[in-house]
Amino acid sequence: MIGGWEDIRAEVLRRIRVRDWPPGDLIPTEEALAIEFGCARATVNRALRELAEAGVLERRRKAGTRVAMLPIRKATLDIPVIRQEIEARGQTHAFRLLQQHEGPPPVPVASRLGLPATARLIYLETLHLADGQPFVLETRWLNPAVLPAPLPDFAALSANEWLVTHIAYATGDIAFSAQTATAHEATIMGLSPHAALFITERTTWTAEAPITFVRLAHAPGYRVQTMV
């Protein structure tokens, strides 16, 4: 039996990613899924609605729900190495691993990764410095199930650089936003309370499972430039 709608969404995503339900496939009805998962139909509806809004499913009245044939996101996801980004500015890179532990992620993170809230992930908090000044605060959740062993010493090699050079991803998504610094971020980065930060949030996947969710909080004045 599956519990909340987040768990149902994770299971639906798993079946889609392992091609139990390939693109264009008509998936079971809400009633059938509610019986299978031992939950209310409304719970199933919530999970499928979220996936439809994300472009994973196509829902049509009286025609059922199908796995989307084409992904909505078509942009190339190019993951920069923070050290190289800083050095390209003519500055010296350094970093400090502030936290590392393993445990269940917050519900929003589990939801982004399509994992149940009970999943155990590795949490890393790393402060990257440019010429000794805070450049970006990296908070990351890693899925140990897809990582090769042994893991490196993340105090000696940043997770950002290790993942880019050691883990191949198949899909991913990225979001940019402007947010005010939390009290925790302001303290670590030596900022005034509620300073404006440039935020990057990114998830990456293998063909079957999530690899990582990372939030990058860039210090004021950060500028992103890309080519089209």
Protein backbone atom coordinates (compact mmCIF):
# COMPACT_ATOMS: atom_id res chain seq x y z
CA MET A 1 0.00 0.00 0.00
CA ILE A 2 1.25 3.48 -0.93
CA GLY A 3 0.55 6.46 1.32
CA GLY A 4 0.33 10.07 0.16
CA TRP A 5 0.08 11.58 -3.29
CA GLU A 6 3.83 12.27 -3.33
CA ASP A 7 4.49 8.51 -3.04
CA ILE A 8 2.05 7.82 -5.86
CA ARG A 9 3.70 10.43 -8.02
CA ALA A 10 7.09 8.86 -7.33
CA GLU A 11 5.80 5.43 -8.33
CA VAL A 12 4.18 6.74 -11.52
CA LEU A 13 7.43 8.50 -12.45
CA ARG A 14 9.38 5.31 -11.77
CA ARG A 15 7.14 3.27 -14.07
CA ILE A 16 7.49 5.88 -16.80
CA ARG A 17 11.28 6.10 -16.50
CA VAL A 18 11.80 2.30 -16.60
CA ARG A 19 9.37 2.15 -19.56
CA ASP A 20 6.71 0.07 -17.82
CA TRP A 21 4.55 2.85 -19.29
CA PRO A 22 6.35 4.08 -22.44
CA PRO A 23 5.65 7.40 -24.22
CA GLY A 24 2.14 7.49 -25.65
CA ASP A 25 0.96 4.63 -23.45
CA LEU A 26 -2.50 4.85 -21.88
CA ILE A 27 -2.05 4.37 -18.14
CA PRO A 28 -4.63 2.75 -15.81
CA THR A 29 -7.63 4.78 -14.71
CA GLU A 30 -7.72 6.68 -11.44
CA GLU A 31 -10.13 4.08 -10.06
CA ALA A 32 -7.79 1.22 -10.95
CA LEU A 33 -4.77 2.98 -9.47
CA ALA A 34 -6.67 3.86 -6.30
CA ILE A 35 -7.51 0.17 -5.83
CA GLU A 36 -3.93 -0.90 -6.58
CA PHE A 37 -2.39 1.63 -4.19
CA GLY A 38 -5.05 1.25 -1.51
CA CYS A 39 -5.92 4.93 -1.34
CA ALA A 40 -8.66 7.40 -2.22
CA ARG A 41 -9.23 8.33 -5.86
CA ALA A 42 -8.68 11.98 -4.93
CA THR A 43 -5.15 11.12 -3.82
CA VAL A 44 -4.41 9.54 -7.20
CA ASN A 45 -5.98 12.52 -8.96
CA ARG A 46 -3.67 14.92 -7.11
CA ALA A 47 -0.58 12.95 -8.15
CA LEU A 48 -1.61 12.68 -11.80
CA ARG A 49 -2.63 16.34 -11.93
CA GLU A 50 0.82 17.38 -10.71
CA LEU A 51 2.50 15.23 -13.36
CA ALA A 52 0.21 16.60 -16.06
CA GLU A 53 1.07 20.17 -15.07
CA ALA A 54 4.76 19.22 -15.30
CA GLY A 55 4.23 17.93 -18.84
CA VAL A 56 4.90 14.28 -17.99
CA LEU A 57 1.32 13.15 -18.61
CA GLU A 58 -1.40 14.20 -21.04
CA ARG A 59 -4.93 14.09 -19.62
CA ARG A 60 -8.00 14.32 -21.80
CA ARG A 61 -11.57 14.03 -20.68
CA LYS A 62 -13.14 10.71 -21.73
CA ALA A 63 -9.89 9.75 -23.49
CA GLY A 64 -7.89 8.83 -20.39
CA THR A 65 -4.38 9.71 -19.32
CA ARG A 66 -1.34 9.00 -21.47
CA VAL A 67 2.40 9.32 -21.01
CA ALA A 68 3.48 12.42 -22.94
CA MET A 69 5.09 11.66 -26.29
CA LEU A 70 7.41 14.68 -26.33
CA PRO A 71 9.14 16.41 -23.41
CA ILE A 72 8.20 20.04 -22.80
CA ARG A 73 11.74 21.05 -21.87
CA LYS A 74 14.06 21.00 -24.86
CA ALA A 75 16.90 23.23 -23.76
CA THR A 76 20.35 21.71 -23.31
CA LEU A 77 21.36 21.47 -19.66
CA ASP A 78 25.00 22.47 -19.36
CA ILE A 79 26.32 22.08 -15.81
CA PRO A 80 29.26 24.38 -15.04
CA VAL A 81 32.09 23.51 -12.68
CA ILE A 82 32.06 26.29 -10.09
CA ARG A 83 35.86 26.23 -9.72
CA GLN A 84 36.31 26.77 -13.46
CA GLU A 85 33.68 29.52 -13.46
CA ILE A 86 35.54 31.41 -10.74
CA GLU A 87 38.96 30.88 -12.33
CA ALA A 88 37.60 32.13 -15.67
CA ARG A 89 36.91 35.43 -13.88
CA GLY A 90 40.59 35.65 -12.97
CA GLN A 91 39.92 34.81 -9.32
CA THR A 92 41.15 32.08 -6.99
CA HIS A 93 38.68 29.37 -6.00
CA ALA A 94 38.40 27.74 -2.59
CA PHE A 95 35.56 25.97 -0.82
CA ARG A 96 34.49 24.80 2.61
CA LEU A 97 32.30 21.80 3.34
CA LEU A 98 30.01 23.08 6.09
CA GLN A 99 27.69 20.11 6.58
CA GLN A 100 27.42 16.47 5.52
CA HIS A 101 24.88 13.97 6.77
CA GLU A 102 22.48 11.31 5.56
CA GLY A 103 18.73 11.20 6.14
CA PRO A 104 15.28 11.81 4.66
CA PRO A 105 15.02 14.99 2.57
CA PRO A 106 12.39 17.70 3.06
CA VAL A 107 9.11 16.87 1.32
CA PRO A 108 9.60 19.50 -1.45
CA VAL A 109 12.99 17.98 -2.31
CA ALA A 110 11.63 14.42 -2.32
CA SER A 111 8.80 15.63 -4.55
CA ARG A 112 11.20 17.28 -7.01
CA LEU A 113 13.18 14.04 -7.23
CA GLY A 114 10.13 11.80 -7.48
CA LEU A 115 11.13 9.91 -4.34
CA PRO A 116 9.10 8.93 -1.29
CA ALA A 117 9.56 11.11 1.77
CA THR A 118 11.19 8.15 3.55
CA ALA A 119 14.11 7.97 1.10
CA ARG A 120 17.56 8.40 2.63
CA LEU A 121 19.79 10.84 0.77
CA ILE A 122 23.17 12.48 1.39
CA TYR A 123 23.00 16.17 2.28
CA LEU A 124 25.95 18.46 1.58
CA GLU A 125 26.30 22.18 2.27
CA THR A 126 29.31 23.80 0.62
CA LEU A 127 30.43 27.42 0.53
CA HIS A 128 32.46 28.37 -2.56
CA LEU A 129 34.81 31.34 -2.32
CA ALA A 130 36.26 33.67 -4.97
CA ASP A 131 39.43 35.42 -3.77
CA GLY A 132 38.40 34.52 -0.24
CA GLN A 133 34.93 36.06 -0.50
CA PRO A 134 31.63 34.11 -0.55
CA PHE A 135 30.65 33.40 -4.15
CA VAL A 136 27.89 30.78 -3.93
CA LEU A 137 26.33 28.62 -1.22
CA GLU A 138 25.66 25.13 -2.60
CA THR A 139 23.07 23.00 -0.78
CA ARG A 140 22.71 19.57 -2.34
CA TRP A 141 20.83 16.28 -1.87
CA LEU A 142 22.47 13.22 -3.44
CA ASN A 143 20.85 9.85 -4.16
CA PRO A 144 23.41 7.25 -2.96
CA ALA A 145 21.60 4.49 -4.88
CA VAL A 146 23.05 5.73 -8.20
CA LEU A 147 26.52 6.81 -7.02
CA PRO A 148 29.63 4.70 -7.61
CA ALA A 149 31.62 3.54 -4.60
CA PRO A 150 33.70 4.62 -2.90
CA LEU A 151 32.52 8.20 -2.56
CA PRO A 152 35.21 10.88 -2.48
CA ASP A 153 36.06 13.09 0.47
CA PHE A 154 33.73 15.99 -0.29
CA ALA A 155 35.83 18.21 1.95
CA ALA A 156 38.70 17.77 -0.52
CA LEU A 157 36.79 17.59 -3.83
CA SER A 158 33.54 19.50 -4.20
CA ALA A 159 30.43 17.50 -5.07
CA ASN A 160 29.81 19.86 -7.97
CA GLU A 161 33.12 19.02 -9.65
CA TRP A 162 33.02 15.31 -8.81
CA LEU A 163 29.50 14.83 -10.23
CA VAL A 164 30.23 16.69 -13.46
CA THR A 165 33.33 14.58 -14.11
CA HIS A 166 32.14 11.18 -12.82
CA ILE A 167 28.36 10.82 -13.24
CA ALA A 168 26.60 10.80 -16.60
CA TYR A 169 23.07 12.16 -16.53
CA ALA A 170 20.29 11.51 -19.03
CA THR A 171 17.79 14.25 -18.20
CA GLY A 172 17.48 17.25 -15.94
CA ASP A 173 15.76 20.54 -15.30
CA ILE A 174 16.85 23.94 -14.09
CA ALA A 175 15.07 26.97 -12.64
CA PHE A 176 16.30 30.51 -11.95
CA SER A 177 14.82 32.99 -9.49
CA ALA A 178 15.58 36.04 -7.37
CA GLN A 179 15.04 35.50 -3.64
CA THR A 180 15.93 37.23 -0.42
CA ALA A 181 18.57 35.53 1.68
CA THR A 182 17.38 33.40 4.57
CA ALA A 183 18.84 34.14 8.00
CA HIS A 184 21.06 31.07 7.61
CA GLU A 185 22.33 32.15 4.19
CA ALA A 186 22.94 35.72 5.33
CA THR A 187 24.98 34.52 8.31
CA ILE A 188 27.14 32.08 6.32
CA MET A 189 27.74 34.46 3.41
CA GLY A 190 28.27 37.56 5.58
CA LEU A 191 25.32 39.42 4.06
CA SER A 192 22.82 41.86 5.44
CA PRO A 193 19.46 40.29 6.31
CA HIS A 194 17.16 39.80 3.33
CA ALA A 195 19.89 40.59 0.78
CA ALA A 196 18.86 39.80 -2.80
CA LEU A 197 20.33 36.55 -4.14
CA PHE A 198 20.34 34.92 -7.57
CA ILE A 199 19.09 31.35 -7.07
CA THR A 200 19.65 28.35 -9.33
CA GLU A 201 17.79 25.11 -8.60
CA ARG A 202 18.66 22.02 -10.61
CA THR A 203 17.75 18.32 -10.70
CA THR A 204 19.51 15.65 -12.76
CA TRP A 205 18.57 12.04 -13.53
CA THR A 206 20.00 8.88 -14.95
CA ALA A 207 17.64 7.06 -17.30
CA GLU A 208 16.02 5.34 -14.31
CA ALA A 209 16.54 7.35 -11.13
CA PRO A 210 17.31 10.81 -9.72
CA ILE A 211 20.92 11.75 -9.10
CA THR A 212 20.76 15.06 -7.24
CA PHE A 213 18.86 18.20 -6.38
CA VAL A 214 20.99 21.27 -5.81
CA ARG A 215 20.24 24.85 -4.79
CA LEU A 216 22.87 27.46 -5.57
CA ALA A 217 22.53 30.79 -3.76
CA HIS A 218 24.80 33.28 -5.53
CA ALA A 219 26.13 36.35 -3.73
CA PRO A 220 24.75 39.78 -4.75
CA GLY A 221 26.16 41.03 -8.03
CA TYR A 222 26.30 37.61 -9.68
CA ARG A 223 25.66 37.68 -13.41
CA VAL A 224 24.84 34.68 -15.60
CA GLN A 225 25.68 34.64 -19.31
CA THR A 226 24.85 31.97 -21.84
CA MET A 227 24.84 31.35 -25.58
CA VAL A 228 21.80 30.52 -27.72
